[in-house]
């Protein structure tokens, strides 16, 4: 009987991708996929609303999906701002982020 063919490069690629996701901050790589998934959900909800299927439920789901898209965009913008400030300012940028987030200045080392 023929032996199954295992593609080791695919296995290595998948394991390296998963290890990248499990590193701190690695989930950021999934943002485009998450955005596309939520946008597809929103599109399907709108189509079902137009098709007159459970209209009030589709309105609520559309509101929730829109909120998810907005929160993902807000998170990505905040993440990019933090990354930019870390690369430009170092520790002083971290201190300003903490002071703006908490309302009072805290020392960060």
Protein backbone atom coordinates (compact mmCIF):
# COMPACT_ATOMS: atom_id res chain seq x y z
CA UNK A 1 0.00 0.00 0.00
CA UNK A 2 1.24 3.51 -0.75
CA UNK A 3 2.47 5.54 2.19
CA UNK A 4 0.78 8.91 2.91
CA UNK A 5 2.83 11.86 1.77
CA UNK A 6 3.59 14.37 4.52
CA UNK A 7 4.60 17.82 3.45
CA UNK A 8 7.02 18.93 6.17
CA UNK A 9 7.28 22.50 4.88
CA UNK A 10 3.52 23.02 5.38
CA UNK A 11 3.71 21.56 8.88
CA UNK A 12 6.68 23.77 9.73
CA UNK A 13 4.93 26.84 8.33
CA UNK A 14 1.77 26.16 10.34
CA UNK A 15 3.69 25.51 13.55
CA UNK A 16 5.73 28.69 13.11
CA UNK A 17 2.52 30.66 12.43
CA UNK A 18 0.89 29.24 15.56
CA UNK A 19 4.00 29.94 17.65
CA UNK A 20 3.97 33.53 16.36
CA UNK A 21 0.32 33.88 17.39
CA UNK A 22 1.03 32.57 20.87
CA UNK A 23 3.80 35.09 21.52
CA UNK A 24 2.76 38.22 23.44
CA UNK A 25 1.24 40.63 20.92
CA UNK A 26 1.10 37.96 18.23
CA UNK A 27 -2.68 38.05 17.87
CA UNK A 28 -2.37 41.35 16.04
CA UNK A 29 -1.64 39.33 12.90
CA UNK A 30 -5.25 38.12 12.97
CA UNK A 31 -6.83 41.59 12.78
CA UNK A 32 -7.31 41.57 8.98
CA UNK A 33 -8.92 38.11 9.17
CA UNK A 34 -11.18 39.19 12.04
CA UNK A 35 -12.18 42.37 10.19
CA UNK A 36 -13.00 40.39 7.03
CA UNK A 37 -15.05 37.86 9.02
CA UNK A 38 -17.08 40.55 10.80
CA UNK A 39 -17.61 42.45 7.54
CA UNK A 40 -18.91 39.25 5.94
CA UNK A 41 -21.24 38.76 8.90
CA UNK A 42 -22.50 42.33 8.51
CA UNK A 43 -23.07 41.80 4.79
CA UNK A 44 -25.05 38.61 5.42
CA UNK A 45 -27.13 40.31 8.12
CA UNK A 46 -27.97 43.16 5.75
CA UNK A 47 -28.94 40.69 3.01
CA UNK A 48 -31.17 38.79 5.44
CA UNK A 49 -32.75 42.09 6.58
CA UNK A 50 -33.55 42.98 2.97
CA UNK A 51 -34.96 39.47 2.44
CA UNK A 52 -37.34 40.15 5.36
CA UNK A 53 -35.97 37.41 7.62
CA UNK A 54 -36.35 38.18 11.34
CA UNK A 55 -36.01 41.92 10.78
CA UNK A 56 -35.63 43.08 14.39
CA UNK A 57 -32.99 40.43 15.01
CA UNK A 58 -31.07 41.51 11.93
CA UNK A 59 -31.16 45.14 13.08
CA UNK A 60 -29.71 44.15 16.43
CA UNK A 61 -27.08 41.88 14.84
CA UNK A 62 -26.13 44.64 12.39
CA UNK A 63 -25.71 47.06 15.30
CA UNK A 64 -23.51 44.55 17.15
CA UNK A 65 -21.43 43.73 14.05
CA UNK A 66 -20.94 47.44 13.34
CA UNK A 67 -19.83 47.93 16.94
CA UNK A 68 -17.36 45.08 16.59
CA UNK A 69 -15.92 46.59 13.41
CA UNK A 70 -15.60 49.98 15.10
CA UNK A 71 -13.92 48.47 18.17
CA UNK A 72 -11.45 46.51 16.03
CA UNK A 73 -10.57 49.69 14.13
CA UNK A 74 -10.17 51.62 17.39
CA UNK A 75 -7.96 48.89 18.86
CA UNK A 76 -5.79 48.73 15.75
CA UNK A 77 -5.36 52.53 15.75
CA UNK A 78 -4.45 52.53 19.45
CA UNK A 79 -2.02 49.64 18.92
CA UNK A 80 -0.34 51.44 16.02
CA UNK A 81 -0.08 54.64 18.08
CA UNK A 82 1.60 52.76 20.94
CA UNK A 83 4.00 51.01 18.58
CA UNK A 84 4.87 54.30 16.87
CA UNK A 85 5.42 56.10 20.16
CA UNK A 86 7.58 53.25 21.48
CA UNK A 87 9.79 53.36 18.40
CA UNK A 88 10.08 57.18 18.51
CA UNK A 89 10.17 58.11 22.18
CA UNK A 90 11.11 55.12 24.28
CA UNK A 91 10.25 55.31 27.99
CA UNK A 92 8.87 58.87 27.89
CA UNK A 93 6.16 57.74 25.46
CA UNK A 94 5.18 54.90 27.78
CA UNK A 95 4.87 57.36 30.65
CA UNK A 96 2.62 59.64 28.62
CA UNK A 97 0.43 56.71 27.58
CA UNK A 98 -0.02 55.66 31.20
CA UNK A 99 -0.80 59.22 32.26
CA UNK A 100 -3.38 59.70 29.51
CA UNK A 101 -5.00 56.33 30.17
CA UNK A 102 -5.22 56.57 33.94
CA UNK A 103 -5.81 60.27 34.38
CA UNK A 104 -2.84 60.64 36.75
CA UNK A 105 0.86 60.39 36.12
CA UNK A 106 2.53 57.18 37.19
CA UNK A 107 6.19 56.32 36.98
CA UNK A 108 6.89 53.45 34.60
CA UNK A 109 10.31 51.83 34.52
